Amino acid sequence: MINANSGPGLLFPKGGWETDETVEEAAAREALEEAGVRGDLLHFLGQYEFKSKTLQDKFSPEGLCKASMFALLVKEELQCWPEQNTRQRSWLTIPEAGECCRYKWMKDALEERFTKWLDDQMISRSKKANDVNSSASSPEEH
């Protein structure tokens, strides 16, 4: 997670995407620019709507925005990154991150979608391990 520039609490890297990139490419770019991390996007967690005071204009007086959230497997933590002078990254457990989330929609994405996806991954891996162990211990029939 990273600190918010405009108040208390922590948030996940987010931002808009350019016309020449996919939403996945934008998510990876924002993680690099804001948190200084590179990795693999593993799973789409969902799309969330929120209001942004900085994006209110005559076309969208409410400042309504959409955010696509992804699970990212971090493979590289950079010592230098574009927003390191204004952003501080923090590594937290899931319960700690939930307590620190600045926005409810980010907390929901973490606690509902990410936790469910992670639990499903653990169950799937456990089943695969059991299948491998069962086949390794079963004698072949002739």
Protein backbone atom coordinates (compact mmCIF):
# COMPACT_ATOMS: atom_id res chain seq x y z
CA MET A 1 0.00 0.00 0.00
CA ILE A 2 1.05 3.60 -0.38
CA ASN A 3 0.35 6.78 1.53
CA ALA A 4 -2.31 9.17 0.26
CA ASN A 5 -1.05 12.56 -0.89
CA SER A 6 -4.16 14.35 0.33
CA GLY A 7 -4.95 13.07 3.77
CA PRO A 8 -4.77 10.18 6.22
CA GLY A 9 -4.87 6.50 5.47
CA LEU A 10 -3.26 4.23 2.93
CA LEU A 11 -4.38 3.17 -0.51
CA PHE A 12 -3.49 0.91 -3.37
CA PRO A 13 -1.81 2.42 -6.43
CA LYS A 14 -4.43 3.78 -8.81
CA GLY A 15 -4.82 6.22 -11.65
CA GLY A 16 -6.14 6.68 -15.12
CA TRP A 17 -5.04 4.83 -18.20
CA GLU A 18 -3.76 6.16 -21.47
CA THR A 19 -5.57 5.58 -24.75
CA ASP A 20 -2.72 3.42 -26.04
CA GLU A 21 -2.70 0.93 -23.13
CA THR A 22 -5.00 -1.70 -21.70
CA VAL A 23 -6.41 -1.46 -18.20
CA GLU A 24 -3.96 -4.22 -17.20
CA GLU A 25 -1.01 -2.25 -18.58
CA ALA A 26 -2.26 0.83 -16.73
CA ALA A 27 -2.48 -1.11 -13.45
CA ALA A 28 1.09 -2.37 -13.84
CA ARG A 29 2.30 1.14 -14.74
CA GLU A 30 0.57 2.71 -11.71
CA ALA A 31 2.12 0.10 -9.40
CA LEU A 32 5.54 0.99 -10.81
CA GLU A 33 5.07 4.77 -10.73
CA GLU A 34 3.40 5.07 -7.34
CA ALA A 35 4.75 2.13 -5.33
CA GLY A 36 7.96 1.25 -7.15
CA VAL A 37 7.08 -2.39 -7.68
CA ARG A 38 6.98 -4.70 -10.69
CA GLY A 39 5.25 -8.02 -10.92
CA ASP A 40 2.58 -10.15 -12.54
CA LEU A 41 -1.12 -9.34 -12.50
CA LEU A 42 -2.67 -12.59 -11.31
CA HIS A 43 -6.38 -11.91 -11.08
CA PHE A 44 -8.99 -9.25 -11.84
CA LEU A 45 -10.71 -8.52 -8.53
CA GLY A 46 -13.49 -6.34 -9.87
CA GLN A 47 -14.49 -2.87 -10.90
CA TYR A 48 -15.47 -0.26 -8.33
CA GLU A 49 -17.10 3.15 -8.65
CA PHE A 50 -16.01 6.07 -6.51
CA LYS A 51 -16.25 9.85 -6.45
CA SER A 52 -13.22 12.05 -6.98
CA LYS A 53 -13.27 15.70 -5.92
CA THR A 54 -10.34 16.44 -8.22
CA LEU A 55 -12.16 15.06 -11.28
CA GLN A 56 -15.40 17.01 -10.89
CA ASP A 57 -16.21 19.09 -13.97
CA LYS A 58 -19.18 20.18 -16.08
CA PHE A 59 -19.31 16.75 -17.76
CA SER A 60 -19.20 14.86 -14.47
CA PRO A 61 -20.24 17.15 -11.61
CA GLU A 62 -20.16 14.20 -9.20
CA GLY A 63 -16.62 13.27 -10.26
CA LEU A 64 -17.73 9.67 -10.78
CA CYS A 65 -14.84 7.32 -11.60
CA LYS A 66 -14.34 3.59 -12.07
CA ALA A 67 -11.38 1.63 -10.79
CA SER A 68 -10.34 -1.86 -11.86
CA MET A 69 -8.57 -3.77 -9.11
CA PHE A 70 -6.07 -6.58 -9.68
CA ALA A 71 -4.08 -8.95 -7.50
CA LEU A 72 -0.39 -8.30 -8.20
CA LEU A 73 2.38 -10.78 -7.42
CA VAL A 74 5.31 -8.47 -6.68
CA LYS A 75 8.55 -9.78 -8.14
CA GLU A 76 10.72 -6.68 -7.89
CA GLU A 77 10.84 -3.85 -5.36
CA LEU A 78 12.67 -0.85 -6.82
CA GLN A 79 14.95 1.37 -4.76
CA CYS A 80 14.16 4.34 -7.03
CA TRP A 81 10.80 5.00 -8.69
CA PRO A 82 8.99 7.98 -10.25
CA GLU A 83 6.92 9.04 -7.20
CA GLN A 84 9.31 8.08 -4.42
CA ASN A 85 9.53 11.69 -3.23
CA THR A 86 5.77 11.88 -2.60
CA ARG A 87 4.86 8.23 -1.92
CA GLN A 88 5.89 5.85 0.82
CA ARG A 89 5.09 2.17 0.36
CA SER A 90 4.11 -0.10 3.23
CA TRP A 91 3.97 -3.89 3.39
CA LEU A 92 1.09 -5.06 5.57
CA THR A 93 -0.86 -8.17 6.42
CA ILE A 94 -4.41 -8.35 5.04
CA PRO A 95 -6.00 -7.39 8.41
CA GLU A 96 -3.54 -4.49 8.83
CA ALA A 97 -4.21 -3.28 5.30
CA GLY A 98 -7.97 -3.41 5.91
CA GLU A 99 -7.58 -1.26 9.01
CA CYS A 100 -5.48 1.32 7.14
CA CYS A 101 -7.53 1.59 3.92
CA ARG A 102 -8.53 5.17 3.30
CA TYR A 103 -11.50 4.25 1.10
CA LYS A 104 -14.28 1.76 1.80
CA TRP A 105 -14.28 0.48 -1.80
CA MET A 106 -10.58 -0.43 -1.50
CA LYS A 107 -11.21 -2.17 1.82
CA ASP A 108 -14.10 -4.10 0.21
CA ALA A 109 -11.87 -5.14 -2.72
CA LEU A 110 -9.23 -6.38 -0.29
CA GLU A 111 -11.40 -8.08 2.30
CA GLU A 112 -14.08 -9.51 0.03
CA ARG A 113 -12.61 -10.12 -3.41
CA PHE A 114 -8.89 -10.58 -2.73
CA THR A 115 -9.39 -12.71 0.37
CA LYS A 116 -11.90 -14.95 -1.45
CA TRP A 117 -9.57 -15.31 -4.44
CA LEU A 118 -6.62 -16.10 -2.15
CA ASP A 119 -8.66 -18.68 -0.22
CA ASP A 120 -9.73 -20.29 -3.52
CA GLN A 121 -6.07 -20.45 -4.60
CA MET A 122 -5.06 -22.13 -1.34
CA ILE A 123 -7.87 -24.70 -1.64
CA SER A 124 -6.94 -25.41 -5.26
CA ARG A 125 -3.26 -25.90 -4.36
CA SER A 126 -4.17 -28.13 -1.45
CA LYS A 127 -6.34 -30.32 -3.70
CA LYS A 128 -3.55 -30.57 -6.28
CA ALA A 129 -1.05 -31.53 -3.58
CA ASN A 130 -3.43 -34.19 -2.26
CA ASP A 131 -3.94 -35.55 -5.79
CA VAL A 132 -0.17 -35.75 -6.32
CA ASN A 133 0.34 -37.45 -2.95
CA SER A 134 -2.47 -39.92 -3.66
CA SER A 135 -1.06 -40.89 -7.05
CA ALA A 136 2.46 -41.19 -5.65
CA SER A 137 1.37 -43.51 -2.86
CA SER A 138 -1.04 -45.69 -4.88
CA PRO A 139 0.47 -48.82 -6.40
CA GLU A 140 -0.18 -49.38 -10.07
CA GLU A 141 -2.57 -52.14 -10.95
CA HIS A 142 -1.39 -54.81 -13.43
